[in-house]
């Protein structure tokens, strides 16, 4: 990249993010290095009121460009892209999920097979699992357009071909049925459930996030009734009837039927109040081990719930 034509000032000393010890993003983003890898990020890099380099995290195009740069520089994934409005996941947090489940008993082997329930248009969990640990991955989704986008990403990255495959879920009422085949065994399943109960709830959540971002920049909160979804998300990516709690209940109940075909079932749980009832149901169904894994990035705390019947 021509630094003269696209000047990017030197970044300040990075701060710790309290991610998993193996996470490559435990320091703040090295934006000069990222724009060198991915020049399309250049227009989005600005100096914030604190004098540090940053991007506008309320701008979906900036967030998408940052993701493409991170995936390219740190994970050798090129030409990553998602359709307008699709869920744009924060890479450090998604990498944390993969690192933490890699610490589960039995997952410290070279030939691990992962199933991603609802891989979306971004395919982020299998992409990271393939590139970080060399795992074999299957991504499933009910949205064929989302799967078509991930298929393009795989095509653009020959090292993923044969290691990351896709399957269509034809029944919205099932997660594992129709995806896990007879006689097939997975070492671990991952899932990022839709966490809102309706589109209105999703917009309210986006409004809150938008206002928090504005406040951190010293701006006044928005009065808009329809703020931009900076991390995107369409339909089943963001909401489902009953929200995260009901989705988890269905996921857990169906996992019992596949208890001998998957060593560890895991799911991201965004709402702390949903952890206790989920663990209660898992115990009731006969799981022999349940793990609640807390993940922290700055002031944000999320958790992964993992359980096994084996």
Protein backbone atom coordinates (compact mmCIF):
# COMPACT_ATOMS: atom_id res chain seq x y z
CA UNK A 1 0.00 0.00 0.00
CA UNK A 2 1.25 3.51 -0.78
CA UNK A 3 1.55 5.19 2.60
CA UNK A 4 2.11 8.55 0.93
CA UNK A 5 -1.24 8.47 -0.79
CA UNK A 6 -3.03 6.83 2.12
CA UNK A 7 -1.34 8.14 5.28
CA UNK A 8 -2.15 6.33 8.50
CA UNK A 9 -0.57 7.69 11.69
CA UNK A 10 1.27 5.45 14.11
CA UNK A 11 -0.99 3.82 16.67
CA UNK A 12 -0.58 4.26 20.40
CA UNK A 13 0.36 1.45 22.79
CA UNK A 14 -2.37 -1.21 22.68
CA UNK A 15 -4.48 -2.11 25.70
CA UNK A 16 -5.31 -5.57 27.00
CA UNK A 17 -8.72 -6.98 26.13
CA UNK A 18 -8.79 -9.95 28.54
CA UNK A 19 -9.48 -12.47 25.80
CA UNK A 20 -8.39 -16.12 25.81
CA UNK A 21 -4.57 -16.36 26.18
CA UNK A 22 -4.23 -17.86 22.68
CA UNK A 23 -6.41 -15.18 21.06
CA UNK A 24 -4.41 -13.13 18.56
CA UNK A 25 -6.53 -10.06 19.33
CA UNK A 26 -5.62 -9.58 22.99
CA UNK A 27 -4.19 -6.20 22.09
CA UNK A 28 -6.07 -3.36 20.42
CA UNK A 29 -6.21 -3.39 16.63
CA UNK A 30 -2.97 -2.61 14.80
CA UNK A 31 -4.73 -0.47 12.22
CA UNK A 32 -1.60 0.58 10.25
CA UNK A 33 -0.79 -3.11 9.72
CA UNK A 34 -4.41 -3.93 8.86
CA UNK A 35 -4.70 -1.22 6.19
CA UNK A 36 -1.45 -2.46 4.69
CA UNK A 37 -3.04 -5.89 4.37
CA UNK A 38 -6.46 -4.61 3.31
CA UNK A 39 -6.31 -1.12 1.67
CA UNK A 40 -10.14 -0.97 1.50
CA UNK A 41 -10.04 -0.25 5.24
CA UNK A 42 -8.14 3.03 4.74
CA UNK A 43 -11.15 5.38 4.28
CA UNK A 44 -12.64 4.12 7.55
CA UNK A 45 -9.62 4.76 9.78
CA UNK A 46 -9.87 8.01 11.72
CA UNK A 47 -8.36 9.58 14.82
CA UNK A 48 -10.92 9.56 17.62
CA UNK A 49 -11.41 12.32 20.25
CA UNK A 50 -8.89 10.54 22.50
CA UNK A 51 -6.19 10.86 19.84
CA UNK A 52 -6.16 7.14 18.99
CA UNK A 53 -6.75 5.45 15.67
CA UNK A 54 -10.14 3.82 15.34
CA UNK A 55 -13.07 3.22 13.03
CA UNK A 56 -16.69 4.20 13.38
CA UNK A 57 -18.21 1.04 14.84
CA UNK A 58 -21.68 2.43 14.09
CA UNK A 59 -20.86 2.25 10.36
CA UNK A 60 -21.60 -1.25 8.96
CA UNK A 61 -19.24 -0.71 6.02
CA UNK A 62 -16.39 0.14 8.39
CA UNK A 63 -17.09 -2.92 10.54
CA UNK A 64 -17.20 -5.17 7.48
CA UNK A 65 -13.93 -3.75 6.14
CA UNK A 66 -12.29 -4.30 9.53
CA UNK A 67 -13.47 -7.92 9.59
CA UNK A 68 -12.13 -8.58 6.10
CA UNK A 69 -8.78 -7.10 7.12
CA UNK A 70 -8.56 -9.17 10.33
CA UNK A 71 -9.47 -12.40 8.56
CA UNK A 72 -6.94 -11.72 5.83
CA UNK A 73 -4.01 -10.70 8.02
CA UNK A 74 -4.39 -13.16 10.89
CA UNK A 75 -6.18 -16.15 9.36
CA UNK A 76 -5.17 -16.08 5.68
CA UNK A 77 -8.77 -15.81 4.52
CA UNK A 78 -9.10 -13.68 1.41
CA UNK A 79 -12.10 -12.07 -0.28
CA UNK A 80 -14.35 -12.44 2.77
CA UNK A 81 -17.61 -10.61 2.20
CA UNK A 82 -21.24 -10.71 3.28
CA UNK A 83 -24.44 -9.39 1.66
CA UNK A 84 -25.73 -6.00 2.77
CA UNK A 85 -27.56 -6.34 6.07
CA UNK A 86 -26.16 -9.77 6.98
CA UNK A 87 -24.81 -10.36 10.47
CA UNK A 88 -21.23 -9.05 10.72
CA UNK A 89 -19.62 -10.79 13.70
CA UNK A 90 -16.89 -9.26 15.89
CA UNK A 91 -13.86 -11.41 15.06
CA UNK A 92 -12.07 -11.31 18.47
CA UNK A 93 -15.15 -12.57 20.33
CA UNK A 94 -15.84 -15.30 17.79
CA UNK A 95 -12.22 -16.45 17.94
CA UNK A 96 -12.55 -16.56 21.74
CA UNK A 97 -15.45 -19.03 21.44
CA UNK A 98 -13.33 -21.35 19.29
CA UNK A 99 -10.32 -21.12 21.63
CA UNK A 100 -12.39 -21.87 24.73
CA UNK A 101 -14.16 -24.90 23.28
CA UNK A 102 -10.79 -26.20 22.11
CA UNK A 103 -9.97 -26.49 25.83
CA UNK A 104 -12.88 -28.87 26.49
CA UNK A 105 -11.92 -32.47 27.38
CA UNK A 106 -11.36 -34.61 24.30
CA UNK A 107 -10.93 -31.67 21.90
CA UNK A 108 -7.14 -31.48 22.13
CA UNK A 109 -6.66 -33.84 19.18
CA UNK A 110 -5.66 -32.91 15.61
CA UNK A 111 -8.67 -34.45 13.82
CA UNK A 112 -11.69 -32.70 15.31
CA UNK A 113 -15.03 -32.40 13.51
CA UNK A 114 -17.20 -29.34 14.25
CA UNK A 115 -20.83 -28.62 13.39
CA UNK A 116 -22.01 -25.01 13.26
CA UNK A 117 -25.78 -24.64 13.74
CA UNK A 118 -26.91 -21.54 11.84
CA UNK A 119 -23.62 -20.60 10.20
CA UNK A 120 -25.20 -17.55 8.54
CA UNK A 121 -23.77 -15.68 5.57
CA UNK A 122 -20.49 -15.06 7.38
CA UNK A 123 -19.54 -18.68 8.24
CA UNK A 124 -17.28 -17.31 10.92
CA UNK A 125 -16.98 -20.21 13.39
CA UNK A 126 -15.97 -22.88 10.84
CA UNK A 127 -13.67 -20.40 9.09
CA UNK A 128 -11.80 -19.71 12.32
CA UNK A 129 -11.80 -23.36 13.45
CA UNK A 130 -10.36 -24.47 10.11
CA UNK A 131 -7.64 -21.84 10.08
CA UNK A 132 -6.68 -21.84 13.78
CA UNK A 133 -6.84 -25.56 14.59
CA UNK A 134 -7.18 -27.29 11.23
CA UNK A 135 -10.52 -28.85 12.18
CA UNK A 136 -13.00 -30.38 9.75
CA UNK A 137 -16.18 -28.31 9.77
CA UNK A 138 -19.79 -28.48 8.63
CA UNK A 139 -21.93 -25.34 8.54
CA UNK A 140 -25.73 -25.61 8.42
CA UNK A 141 -28.37 -22.98 7.81
CA UNK A 142 -31.98 -22.68 6.73
CA UNK A 143 -31.19 -19.70 4.48
CA UNK A 144 -29.91 -20.90 1.11
CA UNK A 145 -28.71 -17.41 0.14
CA UNK A 146 -26.53 -17.31 3.24
CA UNK A 147 -25.06 -20.70 2.38
CA UNK A 148 -24.41 -19.55 -1.18
CA UNK A 149 -22.38 -16.63 0.16
CA UNK A 150 -20.30 -18.93 2.38
CA UNK A 151 -19.79 -21.25 -0.60
CA UNK A 152 -18.26 -18.32 -2.48
CA UNK A 153 -15.88 -17.62 0.41
CA UNK A 154 -14.82 -21.29 0.40
CA UNK A 155 -14.29 -21.18 -3.38
CA UNK A 156 -12.07 -18.11 -3.00
CA UNK A 157 -9.94 -19.91 -0.41
CA UNK A 158 -8.68 -23.25 -1.79
CA UNK A 159 -7.22 -24.30 1.60
CA UNK A 160 -10.80 -24.49 2.94
CA UNK A 161 -12.08 -26.77 0.22
CA UNK A 162 -12.66 -30.27 1.53
CA UNK A 163 -12.36 -29.01 5.13
CA UNK A 164 -15.46 -26.79 5.31
CA UNK A 165 -18.69 -28.15 3.86
CA UNK A 166 -22.25 -26.81 3.92
CA UNK A 167 -25.67 -28.37 4.54
CA UNK A 168 -29.17 -26.93 4.21
CA UNK A 169 -31.62 -27.25 7.09
CA UNK A 170 -35.05 -27.67 5.49
CA UNK A 171 -37.10 -27.61 8.69
CA UNK A 172 -37.08 -24.45 10.82
CA UNK A 173 -38.24 -26.47 13.83
CA UNK A 174 -35.06 -28.58 13.93
CA UNK A 175 -31.37 -27.95 14.53
CA UNK A 176 -29.71 -31.36 14.34
CA UNK A 177 -32.34 -33.49 12.60
CA UNK A 178 -31.77 -33.45 8.86
CA UNK A 179 -28.18 -32.29 9.35
CA UNK A 180 -26.40 -34.99 11.38
CA UNK A 181 -26.49 -38.10 9.22
CA UNK A 182 -26.92 -41.71 10.32
CA UNK A 183 -23.67 -43.10 11.67
CA UNK A 184 -21.99 -39.69 11.67
CA UNK A 185 -20.09 -38.35 14.69
CA UNK A 186 -19.11 -34.79 15.59
CA UNK A 187 -16.69 -33.83 18.34
CA UNK A 188 -18.41 -30.50 19.04
CA UNK A 189 -21.31 -28.35 17.87
CA UNK A 190 -21.40 -24.57 18.13
CA UNK A 191 -24.28 -22.14 17.88
CA UNK A 192 -24.94 -18.42 18.13
CA UNK A 193 -28.70 -18.29 18.80
CA UNK A 194 -30.94 -15.44 17.67
CA UNK A 195 -31.27 -13.50 20.89
CA UNK A 196 -34.37 -11.37 20.27
CA UNK A 197 -38.02 -12.47 20.38
CA UNK A 198 -39.16 -10.11 17.61
CA UNK A 199 -37.94 -7.63 15.01
CA UNK A 200 -39.06 -4.80 17.30
CA UNK A 201 -36.89 -6.15 20.12
CA UNK A 202 -33.96 -6.41 17.71
CA UNK A 203 -34.36 -2.76 16.70
CA UNK A 204 -34.57 -1.69 20.34
CA UNK A 205 -31.35 -3.57 21.03
CA UNK A 206 -29.67 -1.93 18.06
CA UNK A 207 -30.84 1.49 19.26
CA UNK A 208 -29.29 0.87 22.68
CA UNK A 209 -26.01 -0.27 21.12
CA UNK A 210 -26.00 2.75 18.78
CA UNK A 211 -26.54 5.12 21.72
CA UNK A 212 -23.76 3.48 23.72
CA UNK A 213 -21.37 3.90 20.79
CA UNK A 214 -22.42 7.54 20.42
CA UNK A 215 -21.91 8.16 24.12
CA UNK A 216 -18.39 6.70 23.94
CA UNK A 217 -17.62 9.22 21.19
CA UNK A 218 -19.04 12.09 23.23
CA UNK A 219 -22.12 12.44 21.01
CA UNK A 220 -25.77 12.67 21.96
CA UNK A 221 -27.96 9.61 21.64
CA UNK A 222 -29.99 9.13 18.50
CA UNK A 223 -33.73 9.74 18.36
CA UNK A 224 -34.12 7.66 15.25
CA UNK A 225 -36.67 4.88 15.43
CA UNK A 226 -34.71 2.81 12.90
CA UNK A 227 -30.97 3.04 13.60
CA UNK A 228 -28.53 1.25 11.34
CA UNK A 229 -27.74 -2.27 12.46
CA UNK A 230 -23.98 -1.77 12.58
CA UNK A 231 -23.31 -5.50 13.00
CA UNK A 232 -26.20 -6.33 10.69
CA UNK A 233 -28.46 -9.31 11.01
CA UNK A 234 -31.48 -10.38 9.01
CA UNK A 235 -34.45 -12.48 10.05
CA UNK A 236 -33.41 -15.68 11.81
CA UNK A 237 -29.91 -14.30 12.47
CA UNK A 238 -31.31 -11.83 15.02
CA UNK A 239 -34.69 -13.00 16.25
CA UNK A 240 -37.07 -15.93 16.52
CA UNK A 241 -40.36 -16.55 18.29
CA UNK A 242 -39.61 -16.93 21.98
CA UNK A 243 -36.16 -15.39 21.62
CA UNK A 244 -32.94 -16.89 22.90
CA UNK A 245 -34.58 -18.70 25.83
CA UNK A 246 -36.97 -20.76 23.71
CA UNK A 247 -34.31 -21.40 21.07
CA UNK A 248 -31.94 -22.77 23.72
CA UNK A 249 -34.71 -24.98 25.09
CA UNK A 250 -35.29 -26.51 21.65
CA UNK A 251 -31.56 -26.89 21.01
CA UNK A 252 -30.99 -28.65 24.34
CA UNK A 253 -33.97 -30.98 23.99
CA UNK A 254 -32.97 -32.02 20.48
CA UNK A 255 -29.34 -32.53 21.53
CA UNK A 256 -30.46 -35.43 23.74
CA UNK A 257 -31.65 -37.33 20.66
CA UNK A 258 -28.13 -37.02 19.19
CA UNK A 259 -26.29 -37.64 22.46
CA UNK A 260 -24.24 -40.48 20.99
CA UNK A 261 -23.37 -38.61 17.78
CA UNK A 262 -21.78 -35.49 19.26
CA UNK A 263 -19.30 -35.37 22.13
CA UNK A 264 -19.88 -31.74 23.18
CA UNK A 265 -22.87 -29.51 22.45
CA UNK A 266 -22.18 -25.80 22.96
CA UNK A 267 -24.01 -22.53 22.54
CA UNK A 268 -23.32 -18.87 23.04
CA UNK A 269 -25.70 -17.41 25.64
CA UNK A 270 -26.00 -13.63 25.44
CA UNK A 271 -28.48 -13.12 28.29
CA UNK A 272 -27.26 -14.13 31.75
CA UNK A 273 -30.82 -14.84 32.90
CA UNK A 274 -31.08 -17.67 30.36
CA UNK A 275 -28.16 -19.66 31.78
CA UNK A 276 -29.83 -21.05 34.92
CA UNK A 277 -32.97 -22.51 33.24
CA UNK A 278 -30.83 -23.92 30.43
CA UNK A 279 -28.51 -25.72 32.86
CA UNK A 280 -31.51 -27.04 34.78
CA UNK A 281 -32.96 -28.57 31.61
CA UNK A 282 -29.59 -30.05 30.61
CA UNK A 283 -29.28 -31.77 33.96
CA UNK A 284 -32.84 -33.06 33.71
CA UNK A 285 -32.09 -34.64 30.34
CA UNK A 286 -29.16 -36.58 31.76
CA UNK A 287 -26.00 -34.75 30.70
CA UNK A 288 -22.94 -36.03 32.56
CA UNK A 289 -20.94 -32.79 32.37
CA UNK A 290 -22.01 -29.15 32.07
CA UNK A 291 -19.61 -26.23 31.67
CA UNK A 292 -20.37 -22.51 31.83
CA UNK A 293 -17.50 -20.63 30.19
CA UNK A 294 -17.29 -16.89 30.78
CA UNK A 295 -15.73 -14.79 28.04
CA UNK A 296 -14.69 -11.18 28.58
CA UNK A 297 -13.78 -8.47 26.10
CA UNK A 298 -13.27 -5.14 27.80
CA UNK A 299 -16.41 -4.42 29.80
CA UNK A 300 -18.51 -6.89 27.83
CA UNK A 301 -19.11 -10.35 29.32
CA UNK A 302 -20.68 -13.20 27.38
CA UNK A 303 -20.76 -16.91 28.09
CA UNK A 304 -20.68 -20.27 26.38
CA UNK A 305 -22.70 -23.18 27.73
CA UNK A 306 -21.26 -26.63 26.99
CA UNK A 307 -22.72 -30.03 27.85
CA UNK A 308 -22.12 -33.68 27.05
CA UNK A 309 -23.99 -36.93 27.49
CA UNK A 310 -20.88 -39.03 26.85
